[in-house]
Full PDB file with SEQRES, HELIX, SHEET, SSBOND, CRYST1, ORIGX, SCALE, CONECT and MASTER records, all heavy atoms in Angstrom:
SEQRES   1 A   38  TRP VAL LEU ILE LEU ASP ALA ASP VAL LEU VAL PRO LYS          
SEQRES   2 A   38  GLU ALA ALA LYS GLU ILE GLN GLU GLN ILE GLN LYS ASP          
SEQRES   3 A   38  ASP MET ASP GLY PHE TYR LEU PRO HIS LYS THR PHE              
HELIX    1 AA1 LYS A   13  GLN A   22  1                                  10    
CRYST1    1.000    1.000    1.000  90.00  90.00  90.00 P 1           1          
ORIGX1      1.000000  0.000000  0.000000        0.00000                         
ORIGX2      0.000000  1.000000  0.000000        0.00000                         
ORIGX3      0.000000  0.000000  1.000000        0.00000                         
SCALE1      1.000000  0.000000  0.000000        0.00000                         
SCALE2      0.000000  1.000000  0.000000        0.00000                         
SCALE3      0.000000  0.000000  1.000000        0.00000                         
ATOM      1  N   TRP A   1       0.166   9.448  -6.767  1.00  0.00           N  
ATOM      2  CA  TRP A   1      -0.605   8.671  -5.809  1.00  0.00           C  
ATOM      3  C   TRP A   1      -0.343   9.169  -4.399  1.00  0.00           C  
ATOM      4  O   TRP A   1       0.718   9.741  -4.120  1.00  0.00           O  
ATOM      5  CB  TRP A   1      -0.235   7.195  -5.888  1.00  0.00           C  
ATOM      6  CG  TRP A   1      -0.732   6.499  -7.128  1.00  0.00           C  
ATOM      7  CD1 TRP A   1      -0.190   6.576  -8.385  1.00  0.00           C  
ATOM      8  CD2 TRP A   1      -1.862   5.639  -7.237  1.00  0.00           C  
ATOM      9  NE1 TRP A   1      -0.915   5.814  -9.261  1.00  0.00           N  
ATOM     10  CE2 TRP A   1      -1.949   5.210  -8.590  1.00  0.00           C  
ATOM     11  CE3 TRP A   1      -2.808   5.164  -6.324  1.00  0.00           C  
ATOM     12  CZ2 TRP A   1      -2.947   4.354  -9.040  1.00  0.00           C  
ATOM     13  CZ3 TRP A   1      -3.800   4.308  -6.769  1.00  0.00           C  
ATOM     14  CH2 TRP A   1      -3.861   3.907  -8.115  1.00  0.00           C  
ATOM     15  N   VAL A   2      -1.327   8.962  -3.516  1.00  0.00           N  
ATOM     16  CA  VAL A   2      -1.183   9.329  -2.105  1.00  0.00           C  
ATOM     17  C   VAL A   2      -1.441   8.101  -1.242  1.00  0.00           C  
ATOM     18  O   VAL A   2      -2.435   7.383  -1.435  1.00  0.00           O  
ATOM     19  CB  VAL A   2      -2.165  10.448  -1.709  1.00  0.00           C  
ATOM     20  CG1 VAL A   2      -2.062  10.735  -0.208  1.00  0.00           C  
ATOM     21  CG2 VAL A   2      -1.883  11.719  -2.503  1.00  0.00           C  
ATOM     22  N   LEU A   3      -0.544   7.862  -0.299  1.00  0.00           N  
ATOM     23  CA  LEU A   3      -0.694   6.802   0.680  1.00  0.00           C  
ATOM     24  C   LEU A   3      -0.785   7.437   2.063  1.00  0.00           C  
ATOM     25  O   LEU A   3       0.112   8.168   2.472  1.00  0.00           O  
ATOM     26  CB  LEU A   3       0.512   5.852   0.623  1.00  0.00           C  
ATOM     27  CG  LEU A   3       0.637   4.801   1.733  1.00  0.00           C  
ATOM     28  CD1 LEU A   3      -0.566   3.867   1.757  1.00  0.00           C  
ATOM     29  CD2 LEU A   3       1.938   4.009   1.576  1.00  0.00           C  
ATOM     30  N   ILE A   4      -1.896   7.188   2.756  1.00  0.00           N  
ATOM     31  CA  ILE A   4      -2.088   7.705   4.106  1.00  0.00           C  
ATOM     32  C   ILE A   4      -1.590   6.664   5.112  1.00  0.00           C  
ATOM     33  O   ILE A   4      -2.022   5.513   5.090  1.00  0.00           O  
ATOM     34  CB  ILE A   4      -3.572   7.998   4.394  1.00  0.00           C  
ATOM     35  CG1 ILE A   4      -4.154   8.974   3.355  1.00  0.00           C  
ATOM     36  CG2 ILE A   4      -3.747   8.551   5.809  1.00  0.00           C  
ATOM     37  CD1 ILE A   4      -3.604  10.364   3.437  1.00  0.00           C  
ATOM     38  N   LEU A   5      -0.690   7.085   5.983  1.00  0.00           N  
ATOM     39  CA  LEU A   5      -0.184   6.177   7.019  1.00  0.00           C  
ATOM     40  C   LEU A   5      -0.311   6.811   8.392  1.00  0.00           C  
ATOM     41  O   LEU A   5      -0.206   8.030   8.544  1.00  0.00           O  
ATOM     42  CB  LEU A   5       1.290   5.843   6.775  1.00  0.00           C  
ATOM     43  CG  LEU A   5       1.660   4.898   5.631  1.00  0.00           C  
ATOM     44  CD1 LEU A   5       3.151   4.674   5.624  1.00  0.00           C  
ATOM     45  CD2 LEU A   5       0.916   3.576   5.740  1.00  0.00           C  
ATOM     46  N   ASP A   6      -0.535   5.954   9.391  1.00  0.00           N  
ATOM     47  CA  ASP A   6      -0.403   6.383  10.779  1.00  0.00           C  
ATOM     48  C   ASP A   6       1.027   6.095  11.215  1.00  0.00           C  
ATOM     49  O   ASP A   6       1.702   5.218  10.655  1.00  0.00           O  
ATOM     50  CB  ASP A   6      -1.383   5.640  11.672  1.00  0.00           C  
ATOM     51  CG  ASP A   6      -2.819   6.068  11.407  1.00  0.00           C  
ATOM     52  OD1 ASP A   6      -3.024   7.248  11.058  1.00  0.00           O  
ATOM     53  OD2 ASP A   6      -3.731   5.234  11.546  1.00  0.00           O  
ATOM     54  N   ALA A   7       1.472   6.805  12.235  1.00  0.00           N  
ATOM     55  CA  ALA A   7       2.873   6.670  12.666  1.00  0.00           C  
ATOM     56  C   ALA A   7       3.192   5.293  13.224  1.00  0.00           C  
ATOM     57  O   ALA A   7       4.354   4.897  13.280  1.00  0.00           O  
ATOM     58  CB  ALA A   7       3.196   7.743  13.706  1.00  0.00           C  
ATOM     59  N   ASP A   8       2.168   4.537  13.626  1.00  0.00           N  
ATOM     60  CA  ASP A   8       2.415   3.204  14.182  1.00  0.00           C  
ATOM     61  C   ASP A   8       2.132   2.092  13.175  1.00  0.00           C  
ATOM     62  O   ASP A   8       1.917   0.941  13.556  1.00  0.00           O  
ATOM     63  CB  ASP A   8       1.592   2.985  15.447  1.00  0.00           C  
ATOM     64  CG  ASP A   8       0.091   3.094  15.202  1.00  0.00           C  
ATOM     65  OD1 ASP A   8      -0.301   3.518  14.104  1.00  0.00           O  
ATOM     66  OD2 ASP A   8      -0.686   2.760  16.118  1.00  0.00           O  
ATOM     67  N   VAL A   9       2.157   2.443  11.889  1.00  0.00           N  
ATOM     68  CA  VAL A   9       1.953   1.450  10.824  1.00  0.00           C  
ATOM     69  C   VAL A   9       3.258   1.247  10.059  1.00  0.00           C  
ATOM     70  O   VAL A   9       3.917   2.213   9.675  1.00  0.00           O  
ATOM     71  CB  VAL A   9       0.837   1.899   9.850  1.00  0.00           C  
ATOM     72  CG1 VAL A   9       0.778   0.972   8.644  1.00  0.00           C  
ATOM     73  CG2 VAL A   9      -0.501   1.898  10.567  1.00  0.00           C  
ATOM     74  N   LEU A  10       3.619  -0.004   9.840  1.00  0.00           N  
ATOM     75  CA  LEU A  10       4.817  -0.342   9.080  1.00  0.00           C  
ATOM     76  C   LEU A  10       4.419  -0.945   7.739  1.00  0.00           C  
ATOM     77  O   LEU A  10       3.456  -1.708   7.656  1.00  0.00           O  
ATOM     78  CB  LEU A  10       5.683  -1.336   9.852  1.00  0.00           C  
ATOM     79  CG  LEU A  10       6.193  -0.897  11.222  1.00  0.00           C  
ATOM     80  CD1 LEU A  10       7.053  -2.004  11.828  1.00  0.00           C  
ATOM     81  CD2 LEU A  10       6.992   0.389  11.124  1.00  0.00           C  
ATOM     82  N   VAL A  11       5.188  -0.613   6.694  1.00  0.00           N  
ATOM     83  CA  VAL A  11       4.974  -1.192   5.368  1.00  0.00           C  
ATOM     84  C   VAL A  11       6.065  -2.231   5.129  1.00  0.00           C  
ATOM     85  O   VAL A  11       7.207  -1.883   4.830  1.00  0.00           O  
ATOM     86  CB  VAL A  11       5.025  -0.115   4.262  1.00  0.00           C  
ATOM     87  CG1 VAL A  11       4.736  -0.744   2.906  1.00  0.00           C  
ATOM     88  CG2 VAL A  11       4.018   0.995   4.556  1.00  0.00           C  
ATOM     89  N   PRO A  12       5.754  -3.515   5.269  1.00  0.00           N  
ATOM     90  CA  PRO A  12       6.756  -4.559   5.036  1.00  0.00           C  
ATOM     91  C   PRO A  12       7.245  -4.558   3.591  1.00  0.00           C  
ATOM     92  O   PRO A  12       6.584  -4.006   2.698  1.00  0.00           O  
ATOM     93  CB  PRO A  12       5.998  -5.859   5.358  1.00  0.00           C  
ATOM     94  CG  PRO A  12       4.821  -5.436   6.163  1.00  0.00           C  
ATOM     95  CD  PRO A  12       4.461  -4.075   5.682  1.00  0.00           C  
ATOM     96  N   LYS A  13       8.376  -5.189   3.355  1.00  0.00           N  
ATOM     97  CA  LYS A  13       8.979  -5.178   2.017  1.00  0.00           C  
ATOM     98  C   LYS A  13       8.064  -5.752   0.950  1.00  0.00           C  
ATOM     99  O   LYS A  13       7.981  -5.222  -0.165  1.00  0.00           O  
ATOM    100  CB  LYS A  13      10.302  -5.950   2.042  1.00  0.00           C  
ATOM    101  CG  LYS A  13      11.401  -5.247   2.827  1.00  0.00           C  
ATOM    102  CD  LYS A  13      12.697  -6.045   2.798  1.00  0.00           C  
ATOM    103  CE  LYS A  13      13.796  -5.330   3.571  1.00  0.00           C  
ATOM    104  NZ  LYS A  13      15.076  -6.109   3.565  1.00  0.00           N  
ATOM    105  N   GLU A  14       7.363  -6.860   1.266  1.00  0.00           N  
ATOM    106  CA  GLU A  14       6.493  -7.471   0.258  1.00  0.00           C  
ATOM    107  C   GLU A  14       5.309  -6.562  -0.074  1.00  0.00           C  
ATOM    108  O   GLU A  14       4.864  -6.497  -1.226  1.00  0.00           O  
ATOM    109  CB  GLU A  14       5.998  -8.845   0.731  1.00  0.00           C  
ATOM    110  CG  GLU A  14       5.157  -8.848   1.994  1.00  0.00           C  
ATOM    111  CD  GLU A  14       5.954  -8.960   3.269  1.00  0.00           C  
ATOM    112  OE1 GLU A  14       7.185  -8.728   3.214  1.00  0.00           O  
ATOM    113  OE2 GLU A  14       5.352  -9.271   4.311  1.00  0.00           O  
ATOM    114  N   ALA A  15       4.797  -5.825   0.931  1.00  0.00           N  
ATOM    115  CA  ALA A  15       3.709  -4.877   0.686  1.00  0.00           C  
ATOM    116  C   ALA A  15       4.212  -3.682  -0.121  1.00  0.00           C  
ATOM    117  O   ALA A  15       3.523  -3.183  -1.012  1.00  0.00           O  
ATOM    118  CB  ALA A  15       3.097  -4.414   1.999  1.00  0.00           C  
ATOM    119  N   ALA A  16       5.420  -3.213   0.192  1.00  0.00           N  
ATOM    120  CA  ALA A  16       6.015  -2.098  -0.544  1.00  0.00           C  
ATOM    121  C   ALA A  16       6.198  -2.462  -2.017  1.00  0.00           C  
ATOM    122  O   ALA A  16       5.889  -1.663  -2.916  1.00  0.00           O  
ATOM    123  CB  ALA A  16       7.357  -1.720   0.073  1.00  0.00           C  
ATOM    124  N   LYS A  17       6.675  -3.661  -2.274  1.00  0.00           N  
ATOM    125  CA  LYS A  17       6.881  -4.123  -3.651  1.00  0.00           C  
ATOM    126  C   LYS A  17       5.551  -4.190  -4.400  1.00  0.00           C  
ATOM    127  O   LYS A  17       5.444  -3.755  -5.558  1.00  0.00           O  
ATOM    128  CB  LYS A  17       7.547  -5.496  -3.644  1.00  0.00           C  
ATOM    129  CG  LYS A  17       7.889  -6.049  -5.029  1.00  0.00           C  
ATOM    130  CD  LYS A  17       8.669  -7.354  -4.899  1.00  0.00           C  
ATOM    131  CE  LYS A  17       9.094  -7.899  -6.258  1.00  0.00           C  
ATOM    132  NZ  LYS A  17       7.952  -8.340  -7.077  1.00  0.00           N  
ATOM    133  N   GLU A  18       4.527  -4.696  -3.732  1.00  0.00           N  
ATOM    134  CA  GLU A  18       3.215  -4.803  -4.365  1.00  0.00           C  
ATOM    135  C   GLU A  18       2.637  -3.431  -4.686  1.00  0.00           C  
ATOM    136  O   GLU A  18       2.094  -3.207  -5.774  1.00  0.00           O  
ATOM    137  CB  GLU A  18       2.253  -5.571  -3.462  1.00  0.00           C  
ATOM    138  CG  GLU A  18       0.890  -5.799  -4.099  1.00  0.00           C  
ATOM    139  CD  GLU A  18      -0.080  -6.511  -3.180  1.00  0.00           C  
ATOM    140  OE1 GLU A  18       0.121  -6.478  -1.941  1.00  0.00           O  
ATOM    141  OE2 GLU A  18      -1.049  -7.090  -3.699  1.00  0.00           O  
ATOM    142  N   ILE A  19       2.759  -2.502  -3.754  1.00  0.00           N  
ATOM    143  CA  ILE A  19       2.265  -1.144  -3.978  1.00  0.00           C  
ATOM    144  C   ILE A  19       2.959  -0.510  -5.178  1.00  0.00           C  
ATOM    145  O   ILE A  19       2.317   0.069  -6.059  1.00  0.00           O  
ATOM    146  CB  ILE A  19       2.467  -0.280  -2.722  1.00  0.00           C  
ATOM    147  CG1 ILE A  19       1.524  -0.735  -1.604  1.00  0.00           C  
ATOM    148  CG2 ILE A  19       2.235   1.197  -3.031  1.00  0.00           C  
ATOM    149  CD1 ILE A  19       1.801  -0.097  -0.260  1.00  0.00           C  
ATOM    150  N   GLN A  20       4.285  -0.630  -5.234  1.00  0.00           N  
ATOM    151  CA  GLN A  20       5.043  -0.038  -6.337  1.00  0.00           C  
ATOM    152  C   GLN A  20       4.641  -0.632  -7.683  1.00  0.00           C  
ATOM    153  O   GLN A  20       4.593   0.077  -8.700  1.00  0.00           O  
ATOM    154  CB  GLN A  20       6.539  -0.238  -6.089  1.00  0.00           C  
ATOM    155  CG  GLN A  20       7.062   0.563  -4.905  1.00  0.00           C  
ATOM    156  CD  GLN A  20       8.505   0.241  -4.583  1.00  0.00           C  
ATOM    157  OE1 GLN A  20       9.425   0.724  -5.243  1.00  0.00           O  
ATOM    158  NE2 GLN A  20       8.730  -0.586  -3.576  1.00  0.00           N  
ATOM    159  N   GLU A  21       4.353  -1.907  -7.699  1.00  0.00           N  
ATOM    160  CA  GLU A  21       3.959  -2.557  -8.951  1.00  0.00           C  
ATOM    161  C   GLU A  21       2.546  -2.169  -9.366  1.00  0.00           C  
ATOM    162  O   GLU A  21       2.291  -1.875 -10.532  1.00  0.00           O  
ATOM    163  CB  GLU A  21       4.057  -4.075  -8.790  1.00  0.00           C  
ATOM    164  CG  GLU A  21       5.491  -4.596  -8.679  1.00  0.00           C  
ATOM    165  CD  GLU A  21       5.539  -6.091  -8.390  1.00  0.00           C  
ATOM    166  OE1 GLU A  21       4.473  -6.675  -8.086  1.00  0.00           O  
ATOM    167  OE2 GLU A  21       6.646  -6.667  -8.452  1.00  0.00           O  
ATOM    168  N   GLN A  22       1.637  -2.144  -8.408  1.00  0.00           N  
ATOM    169  CA  GLN A  22       0.226  -1.922  -8.741  1.00  0.00           C  
ATOM    170  C   GLN A  22      -0.068  -0.500  -9.198  1.00  0.00           C  
ATOM    171  O   GLN A  22      -0.928  -0.286 -10.052  1.00  0.00           O  
ATOM    172  CB  GLN A  22      -0.656  -2.277  -7.536  1.00  0.00           C  
ATOM    173  CG  GLN A  22      -0.710  -3.764  -7.217  1.00  0.00           C  
ATOM    174  CD  GLN A  22      -1.289  -4.586  -8.361  1.00  0.00           C  
ATOM    175  OE1 GLN A  22      -2.216  -4.166  -9.050  1.00  0.00           O  
ATOM    176  NE2 GLN A  22      -0.730  -5.766  -8.576  1.00  0.00           N  
ATOM    177  N   ILE A  23       0.637   0.490  -8.650  1.00  0.00           N  
ATOM    178  CA  ILE A  23       0.344   1.869  -9.048  1.00  0.00           C  
ATOM    179  C   ILE A  23       0.846   2.188 -10.459  1.00  0.00           C  
ATOM    180  O   ILE A  23       0.481   3.224 -11.023  1.00  0.00           O  
ATOM    181  CB  ILE A  23       0.909   2.898  -8.043  1.00  0.00           C  
ATOM    182  CG1 ILE A  23       2.437   2.869  -8.026  1.00  0.00           C  
ATOM    183  CG2 ILE A  23       0.327   2.676  -6.662  1.00  0.00           C  
ATOM    184  CD1 ILE A  23       3.056   3.985  -7.186  1.00  0.00           C  
ATOM    185  N   GLN A  24       1.669   1.304 -11.017  1.00  0.00           N  
ATOM    186  CA  GLN A  24       2.138   1.521 -12.388  1.00  0.00           C  
ATOM    187  C   GLN A  24       1.097   1.098 -13.420  1.00  0.00           C  
ATOM    188  O   GLN A  24       1.229   1.387 -14.601  1.00  0.00           O  
ATOM    189  CB  GLN A  24       3.447   0.764 -12.636  1.00  0.00           C  
ATOM    190  CG  GLN A  24       4.583   1.150 -11.711  1.00  0.00           C  
ATOM    191  CD  GLN A  24       4.864   2.648 -11.673  1.00  0.00           C  
ATOM    192  OE1 GLN A  24       4.820   3.321 -12.702  1.00  0.00           O  
ATOM    193  NE2 GLN A  24       5.132   3.181 -10.490  1.00  0.00           N  
ATOM    194  N   LYS A  25       0.060   0.418 -12.968  1.00  0.00           N  
ATOM    195  CA  LYS A  25      -0.995  -0.029 -13.869  1.00  0.00           C  
ATOM    196  C   LYS A  25      -2.057   1.062 -14.018  1.00  0.00           C  
ATOM    197  O   LYS A  25      -2.167   1.956 -13.192  1.00  0.00           O  
ATOM    198  CB  LYS A  25      -1.617  -1.321 -13.348  1.00  0.00           C  
ATOM    199  CG  LYS A  25      -0.594  -2.450 -13.207  1.00  0.00           C  
ATOM    200  CD  LYS A  25      -1.213  -3.700 -12.620  1.00  0.00           C  
ATOM    201  CE  LYS A  25      -0.181  -4.803 -12.464  1.00  0.00           C  
ATOM    202  NZ  LYS A  25      -0.747  -6.044 -11.866  1.00  0.00           N  
ATOM    203  N   ASP A  26      -2.857   0.973 -15.072  1.00  0.00           N  
ATOM    204  CA  ASP A  26      -3.833   2.019 -15.364  1.00  0.00           C  
ATOM    205  C   ASP A  26      -5.265   1.659 -14.976  1.00  0.00           C  
ATOM    206  O   ASP A  26      -6.186   2.445 -15.225  1.00  0.00           O  
ATOM    207  CB  ASP A  26      -3.818   2.350 -16.865  1.00  0.00           C  
ATOM    208  CG  ASP A  26      -2.474   2.903 -17.318  1.00  0.00           C  
ATOM    209  OD1 ASP A  26      -1.825   3.593 -16.509  1.00  0.00           O  
ATOM    210  OD2 ASP A  26      -2.089   2.647 -18.468  1.00  0.00           O  
ATOM    211  N   ASP A  27      -5.474   0.486 -14.370  1.00  0.00           N  
ATOM    212  CA  ASP A  27      -6.843   0.002 -14.210  1.00  0.00           C  
ATOM    213  C   ASP A  27      -7.494   0.351 -12.879  1.00  0.00           C  
ATOM    214  O   ASP A  27      -8.684   0.130 -12.695  1.00  0.00           O  
ATOM    215  CB  ASP A  27      -6.889  -1.523 -14.400  1.00  0.00           C  
ATOM    216  CG  ASP A  27      -5.924  -2.244 -13.467  1.00  0.00           C  
ATOM    217  OD1 ASP A  27      -5.007  -1.593 -12.936  1.00  0.00           O  
ATOM    218  OD2 ASP A  27      -6.112  -3.460 -13.269  1.00  0.00           O  
ATOM    219  N   MET A  28      -6.763   0.931 -11.935  1.00  0.00           N  
ATOM    220  CA  MET A  28      -7.328   1.227 -10.628  1.00  0.00           C  
ATOM    221  C   MET A  28      -7.112   2.690 -10.236  1.00  0.00           C  
ATOM    222  O   MET A  28      -6.128   3.307 -10.608  1.00  0.00           O  
ATOM    223  CB  MET A  28      -6.707   0.317  -9.556  1.00  0.00           C  
ATOM    224  CG  MET A  28      -7.066  -1.151  -9.711  1.00  0.00           C  
ATOM    225  SD  MET A  28      -8.836  -1.434  -9.477  1.00  0.00           S  
ATOM    226  CE  MET A  28      -8.968  -3.145 -10.038  1.00  0.00           C  
ATOM    227  N   ASP A  29      -8.064   3.204  -9.452  1.00  0.00           N  
ATOM    228  CA  ASP A  29      -7.972   4.575  -8.944  1.00  0.00           C  
ATOM    229  C   ASP A  29      -7.649   4.607  -7.453  1.00  0.00           C  
ATOM    230  O   ASP A  29      -7.315   5.649  -6.905  1.00  0.00           O  
ATOM    231  CB  ASP A  29      -9.292   5.317  -9.174  1.00  0.00           C  
ATOM    232  CG  ASP A  29      -9.655   5.394 -10.651  1.00  0.00           C  
ATOM    233  OD1 ASP A  29      -8.751   5.644 -11.469  1.00  0.00           O  
ATOM    234  OD2 ASP A  29     -10.840   5.195 -10.981  1.00  0.00           O  
ATOM    235  N   GLY A  30      -7.797   3.464  -6.808  1.00  0.00           N  
ATOM    236  CA  GLY A  30      -7.515   3.389  -5.383  1.00  0.00           C  
ATOM    237  C   GLY A  30      -7.404   1.947  -4.941  1.00  0.00           C  
ATOM    238  O   GLY A  30      -7.789   1.028  -5.678  1.00  0.00           O  
ATOM    239  N   PHE A  31      -6.893   1.753  -3.727  1.00  0.00           N  
ATOM    240  CA  PHE A  31      -6.708   0.396  -3.205  1.00  0.00           C  
ATOM    241  C   PHE A  31      -7.041   0.333  -1.720  1.00  0.00           C  
ATOM    242  O   PHE A  31      -6.663   1.211  -0.944  1.00  0.00           O  
ATOM    243  CB  PHE A  31      -5.262  -0.066  -3.385  1.00  0.00           C  
ATOM    244  CG  PHE A  31      -4.882  -0.362  -4.804  1.00  0.00           C  
ATOM    245  CD1 PHE A  31      -4.294   0.621  -5.588  1.00  0.00           C  
ATOM    246  CD2 PHE A  31      -5.106  -1.622  -5.354  1.00  0.00           C  
ATOM    247  CE1 PHE A  31      -3.932   0.360  -6.905  1.00  0.00           C  
ATOM    248  CE2 PHE A  31      -4.747  -1.890  -6.669  1.00  0.00           C  
ATOM    249  CZ  PHE A  31      -4.162  -0.900  -7.445  1.00  0.00           C  
ATOM    250  N   TYR A  32      -7.748  -0.739  -1.358  1.00  0.00           N  
ATOM    251  CA  TYR A  32      -7.877  -1.098   0.042  1.00  0.00           C  
ATOM    252  C   TYR A  32      -6.586  -1.806   0.446  1.00  0.00           C  
ATOM    253  O   TYR A  32      -6.105  -2.682  -0.270  1.00  0.00           O  
ATOM    254  CB  TYR A  32      -9.060  -2.036   0.263  1.00  0.00           C  
ATOM    255  CG  TYR A  32     -10.406  -1.360   0.166  1.00  0.00           C  
ATOM    256  CD1 TYR A  32     -11.187  -1.480  -0.977  1.00  0.00           C  
ATOM    257  CD2 TYR A  32     -10.894  -0.606   1.237  1.00  0.00           C  
ATOM    258  CE1 TYR A  32     -12.414  -0.861  -1.057  1.00  0.00           C  
ATOM    259  CE2 TYR A  32     -12.122   0.021   1.156  1.00  0.00           C  
ATOM    260  CZ  TYR A  32     -12.887  -0.112   0.017  1.00  0.00           C  
ATOM    261  OH  TYR A  32     -14.109   0.508  -0.069  1.00  0.00           O  
ATOM    262  N   LEU A  33      -6.047  -1.410   1.587  1.00  0.00           N  
ATOM    263  CA  LEU A  33      -4.815  -2.027   2.086  1.00  0.00           C  
ATOM    264  C   LEU A  33      -5.132  -2.877   3.310  1.00  0.00           C  
ATOM    265  O   LEU A  33      -5.662  -2.365   4.304  1.00  0.00           O  
ATOM    266  CB  LEU A  33      -3.790  -0.952   2.448  1.00  0.00           C  
ATOM    267  CG  LEU A  33      -3.387   0.001   1.323  1.00  0.00           C  
ATOM    268  CD1 LEU A  33      -2.341   0.990   1.830  1.00  0.00           C  
ATOM    269  CD2 LEU A  33      -2.865  -0.743   0.117  1.00  0.00           C  
ATOM    270  N   PRO A  34      -4.823  -4.168   3.262  1.00  0.00           N  
ATOM    271  CA  PRO A  34      -5.024  -5.006   4.449  1.00  0.00           C  
ATOM    272  C   PRO A  34      -4.107  -4.539   5.583  1.00  0.00           C  
ATOM    273  O   PRO A  34      -2.944  -4.218   5.357  1.00  0.00           O  
ATOM    274  CB  PRO A  34      -4.630  -6.407   3.969  1.00  0.00           C  
ATOM    275  CG  PRO A  34      -4.662  -6.347   2.475  1.00  0.00           C  
ATOM    276  CD  PRO A  34      -4.291  -4.940   2.124  1.00  0.00           C  
ATOM    277  N   HIS A  35      -4.665  -4.490   6.779  1.00  0.00           N  
ATOM    278  CA  HIS A  35      -3.901  -4.117   7.967  1.00  0.00           C  
ATOM    279  C   HIS A  35      -3.944  -5.272   8.958  1.00  0.00           C  
ATOM    280  O   HIS A  35      -5.034  -5.672   9.391  1.00  0.00           O  
ATOM    281  CB  HIS A  35      -4.475  -2.863   8.620  1.00  0.00           C  
ATOM    282  CG  HIS A  35      -4.228  -1.602   7.849  1.00  0.00           C  
ATOM    283  ND1 HIS A  35      -4.750  -1.383   6.596  1.00  0.00           N  
ATOM    284  CD2 HIS A  35      -3.504  -0.497   8.160  1.00  0.00           C  
ATOM    285  CE1 HIS A  35      -4.367  -0.181   6.174  1.00  0.00           C  
ATOM    286  NE2 HIS A  35      -3.607   0.355   7.098  1.00  0.00           N  
ATOM    287  N   LYS A  36      -2.807  -5.792   9.305  1.00  0.00           N  
ATOM    288  CA  LYS A  36      -2.712  -6.872  10.292  1.00  0.00           C  
ATOM    289  C   LYS A  36      -2.244  -6.263  11.609  1.00  0.00           C  
ATOM    290  O   LYS A  36      -1.214  -5.597  11.663  1.00  0.00           O  
ATOM    291  CB  LYS A  36      -1.730  -7.942   9.830  1.00  0.00           C  
ATOM    292  CG  LYS A  36      -1.707  -9.187  10.711  1.00  0.00           C  
ATOM    293  CD  LYS A  36      -0.758 -10.221  10.127  1.00  0.00           C  
ATOM    294  CE  LYS A  36      -0.789 -11.504  10.934  1.00  0.00           C  
ATOM    295  NZ  LYS A  36      -2.078 -12.200  10.830  1.00  0.00           N  
ATOM    296  N   THR A  37      -3.021  -6.483  12.649  1.00  0.00           N  
ATOM    297  CA  THR A  37      -2.755  -5.836  13.924  1.00  0.00           C  
ATOM    298  C   THR A  37      -1.613  -6.497  14.687  1.00  0.00           C  
ATOM    299  O   THR A  37      -1.572  -7.718  14.813  1.00  0.00           O  
ATOM    300  CB  THR A  37      -4.016  -5.847  14.807  1.00  0.00           C  
ATOM    301  OG1 THR A  37      -5.095  -5.266  14.079  1.00  0.00           O  
ATOM    302  CG2 THR A  37      -3.788  -5.058  16.086  1.00  0.00           C  
ATOM    303  N   PHE A  38      -0.709  -5.649  15.186  1.00  0.00           N  
ATOM    304  CA  PHE A  38       0.380  -6.101  16.061  1.00  0.00           C  
ATOM    305  C   PHE A  38       0.218  -5.396  17.409  1.00  0.00           C  
ATOM    306  O   PHE A  38       0.090  -4.171  17.466  1.00  0.00           O  
ATOM    307  CB  PHE A  38       1.740  -5.745  15.465  1.00  0.00           C  
ATOM    308  CG  PHE A  38       2.209  -6.693  14.404  1.00  0.00           C  
ATOM    309  CD1 PHE A  38       1.519  -6.825  13.207  1.00  0.00           C  
ATOM    310  CD2 PHE A  38       3.341  -7.463  14.595  1.00  0.00           C  
ATOM    311  CE1 PHE A  38       1.945  -7.701  12.224  1.00  0.00           C  
ATOM    312  CE2 PHE A  38       3.778  -8.344  13.615  1.00  0.00           C  
ATOM    313  CZ  PHE A  38       3.081  -8.469  12.431  1.00  0.00           C  
TER     314      PHE A  38                                                      
MASTER        0    0    0    1    0    0    0    6  313    1    0    3          
END                                                                             
């Protein structure tokens, strides 16, 4: 899998856990990631 990040984007622990869990499944080829502006 490939995750594109900008240098000013942080991946919180709960988002990291969700990403790790979801990519282990076989039903998706990609994901929209919610971005909350700071």
